[in-house]
């Protein structure tokens, strides 16, 4: 029922991803909800990739074949193997909040963030920065070319009933 441009992101912990039949669950959820697969985004962490790498790759590839988008969440805090970025069918790279928070106290954080954004774009990925809490952080990330922003500066977690008002307010604020 949400507008066409709004997608739904679902986080899977390593335990959830490997102890359940994720592919069947996602197929069922898409069928029951009527949500187009391309509006569903599955978020997994780097530690999910470390267990049964081939099976994980196969499941993610099958999800992508359905049209589901796959995001690598909390990038930079786990194993951070660059090999995962080009071997797995990711569509988005989500920079961990710790790098964004470091902007306030660590001069080298900006260089690391610039590199991550360029790396993601070089691989054809959308790049999201998590944990943005102040306008200075947002301005730096915009200047670095980060595609999407997430954090308390933009809004707090909210009820579905409040989503339309939040989207309109954020759109009006640019």
Protein backbone atom coordinates (compact mmCIF):
# COMPACT_ATOMS: atom_id res chain seq x y z
CA UNK A 1 0.00 0.00 0.00
CA UNK A 2 3.02 2.31 0.31
CA UNK A 3 4.07 4.58 -2.53
CA UNK A 4 6.01 2.99 -5.39
CA UNK A 5 9.39 4.43 -4.39
CA UNK A 6 9.26 3.09 -0.83
CA UNK A 7 10.95 -0.22 -0.15
CA UNK A 8 11.02 -2.51 2.86
CA UNK A 9 14.34 -3.53 4.43
CA UNK A 10 14.58 -6.63 6.60
CA UNK A 11 17.64 -7.40 8.72
CA UNK A 12 18.71 -11.01 9.05
CA UNK A 13 21.12 -12.00 11.80
CA UNK A 14 23.67 -14.71 10.94
CA UNK A 15 21.64 -17.15 13.05
CA UNK A 16 18.39 -16.32 11.26
CA UNK A 17 20.01 -16.51 7.87
CA UNK A 18 21.60 -19.91 8.44
CA UNK A 19 19.08 -21.65 10.69
CA UNK A 20 16.03 -21.07 8.51
CA UNK A 21 15.02 -21.63 4.93
CA UNK A 22 15.39 -17.96 4.05
CA UNK A 23 14.62 -18.45 0.38
CA UNK A 24 11.28 -20.15 1.09
CA UNK A 25 10.40 -17.62 3.78
CA UNK A 26 11.10 -14.67 1.48
CA UNK A 27 9.16 -16.23 -1.40
CA UNK A 28 6.22 -16.83 0.92
CA UNK A 29 6.36 -13.28 2.38
CA UNK A 30 6.39 -11.77 -1.12
CA UNK A 31 3.48 -13.92 -2.21
CA UNK A 32 1.33 -13.26 0.87
CA UNK A 33 2.05 -9.53 1.10
CA UNK A 34 1.84 -8.75 -2.60
CA UNK A 35 5.00 -6.68 -2.25
CA UNK A 36 6.92 -6.59 -5.54
CA UNK A 37 10.25 -8.37 -4.99
CA UNK A 38 12.22 -5.35 -6.22
CA UNK A 39 10.86 -3.35 -3.27
CA UNK A 40 12.27 -5.82 -0.74
CA UNK A 41 15.79 -5.38 0.57
CA UNK A 42 17.47 -8.09 2.64
CA UNK A 43 20.22 -6.79 4.95
CA UNK A 44 22.93 -9.17 6.10
CA UNK A 45 26.16 -8.55 7.97
CA UNK A 46 29.64 -9.64 6.99
CA UNK A 47 29.60 -12.36 9.64
CA UNK A 48 26.70 -14.01 7.77
CA UNK A 49 29.05 -14.50 4.83
CA UNK A 50 31.57 -16.44 6.88
CA UNK A 51 29.31 -19.44 7.48
CA UNK A 52 29.02 -21.86 4.61
CA UNK A 53 30.14 -19.32 2.03
CA UNK A 54 28.95 -21.27 -1.01
CA UNK A 55 25.46 -21.88 0.39
CA UNK A 56 25.19 -18.22 1.39
CA UNK A 57 26.25 -17.14 -2.09
CA UNK A 58 23.72 -19.49 -3.68
CA UNK A 59 20.84 -18.29 -1.49
CA UNK A 60 21.70 -14.63 -2.10
CA UNK A 61 21.96 -15.25 -5.84
CA UNK A 62 18.54 -16.91 -5.87
CA UNK A 63 17.05 -14.01 -3.93
CA UNK A 64 18.56 -11.57 -6.43
CA UNK A 65 17.11 -13.66 -9.27
CA UNK A 66 13.69 -13.08 -7.68
CA UNK A 67 14.39 -9.34 -7.84
CA UNK A 68 15.14 -8.89 -4.14
CA UNK A 69 17.92 -6.41 -3.36
CA UNK A 70 20.74 -7.49 -1.03
CA UNK A 71 22.54 -5.06 1.27
CA UNK A 72 25.79 -5.64 3.12
CA UNK A 73 25.01 -4.06 6.49
CA UNK A 74 27.48 -2.61 9.00
CA UNK A 75 30.30 -2.63 6.45
CA UNK A 76 33.74 -2.21 7.93
CA UNK A 77 33.18 -3.72 11.36
CA UNK A 78 33.28 -7.42 10.56
CA UNK A 79 35.74 -9.28 8.42
CA UNK A 80 35.75 -6.61 5.71
CA UNK A 81 37.15 -8.84 3.02
CA UNK A 82 37.02 -6.94 -0.23
CA UNK A 83 36.55 -10.25 -2.02
CA UNK A 84 33.01 -10.45 -0.68
CA UNK A 85 32.03 -7.24 -2.36
CA UNK A 86 32.56 -8.49 -5.87
CA UNK A 87 31.77 -12.19 -5.34
CA UNK A 88 28.37 -11.72 -3.73
CA UNK A 89 25.32 -10.19 -5.45
CA UNK A 90 25.03 -7.03 -3.38
CA UNK A 91 23.12 -3.99 -4.53
CA UNK A 92 23.90 -1.78 -1.54
CA UNK A 93 26.74 -1.18 0.88
CA UNK A 94 25.77 0.21 4.28
CA UNK A 95 28.63 1.96 6.09
CA UNK A 96 28.67 1.19 9.79
CA UNK A 97 27.75 4.03 12.12
CA UNK A 98 31.13 3.89 13.88
CA UNK A 99 32.79 5.47 10.82
CA UNK A 100 30.19 8.24 10.73
CA UNK A 101 30.57 8.91 14.46
CA UNK A 102 34.36 9.07 14.01
CA UNK A 103 33.91 12.13 11.78
CA UNK A 104 33.43 14.18 14.94
CA UNK A 105 36.78 13.27 16.50
CA UNK A 106 39.08 11.53 13.99
CA UNK A 107 40.48 13.47 11.01
CA UNK A 108 41.29 10.31 9.04
CA UNK A 109 37.64 9.14 9.18
CA UNK A 110 36.75 11.37 6.23
CA UNK A 111 39.40 9.70 4.08
CA UNK A 112 38.18 6.24 5.02
CA UNK A 113 34.59 7.21 4.25
CA UNK A 114 35.64 8.71 0.91
CA UNK A 115 37.37 5.43 0.04
CA UNK A 116 34.37 3.31 1.03
CA UNK A 117 31.99 5.47 -1.03
CA UNK A 118 34.29 5.30 -4.07
CA UNK A 119 34.74 1.56 -3.64
CA UNK A 120 30.99 1.00 -3.46
CA UNK A 121 30.31 3.18 -6.49
CA UNK A 122 33.13 1.52 -8.42
CA UNK A 123 31.34 -1.79 -7.89
CA UNK A 124 28.02 -0.33 -9.01
CA UNK A 125 26.55 -0.35 -5.49
CA UNK A 126 24.35 2.20 -3.79
CA UNK A 127 26.08 3.45 -0.62
CA UNK A 128 24.21 4.27 2.58
CA UNK A 129 25.74 5.84 5.69
CA UNK A 130 24.23 4.73 8.98
CA UNK A 131 24.13 6.56 12.28
CA UNK A 132 24.03 10.17 11.12
CA UNK A 133 23.31 12.28 14.19
CA UNK A 134 24.23 15.84 13.21
CA UNK A 135 24.10 18.14 10.21
CA UNK A 136 27.91 18.33 9.94
CA UNK A 137 28.09 14.56 9.37
CA UNK A 138 25.30 14.73 6.79
CA UNK A 139 27.01 17.58 4.92
CA UNK A 140 30.34 15.72 4.78
CA UNK A 141 28.69 12.53 3.53
CA UNK A 142 26.77 14.46 0.87
CA UNK A 143 30.05 16.05 -0.27
CA UNK A 144 31.65 12.61 -0.44
CA UNK A 145 28.86 11.44 -2.76
CA UNK A 146 27.14 9.06 -0.36
CA UNK A 147 23.80 8.06 -1.92
CA UNK A 148 21.58 7.56 1.12
CA UNK A 149 21.54 8.61 4.76
CA UNK A 150 20.13 6.92 7.83
CA UNK A 151 20.17 8.08 11.43
CA UNK A 152 18.54 9.99 14.25
CA UNK A 153 19.22 13.34 12.55
CA UNK A 154 16.70 12.33 9.90
CA UNK A 155 14.23 10.66 12.25
CA UNK A 156 13.72 8.23 15.10
CA UNK A 157 12.17 4.79 14.64
CA UNK A 158 8.45 5.31 14.18
CA UNK A 159 5.13 3.56 13.75
CA UNK A 160 3.91 2.72 10.25
CA UNK A 161 0.97 5.09 10.76
CA UNK A 162 3.44 8.00 11.08
CA UNK A 163 5.51 7.12 8.02
CA UNK A 164 3.67 9.29 5.48
CA UNK A 165 4.11 12.41 7.62
CA UNK A 166 7.81 11.63 8.15
CA UNK A 167 8.42 11.15 4.42
CA UNK A 168 6.63 14.40 3.59
CA UNK A 169 8.52 16.32 6.29
CA UNK A 170 11.91 14.97 5.15
CA UNK A 171 11.06 15.66 1.51
CA UNK A 172 10.10 19.24 2.38
CA UNK A 173 13.38 19.65 4.30
CA UNK A 174 15.42 18.42 1.33
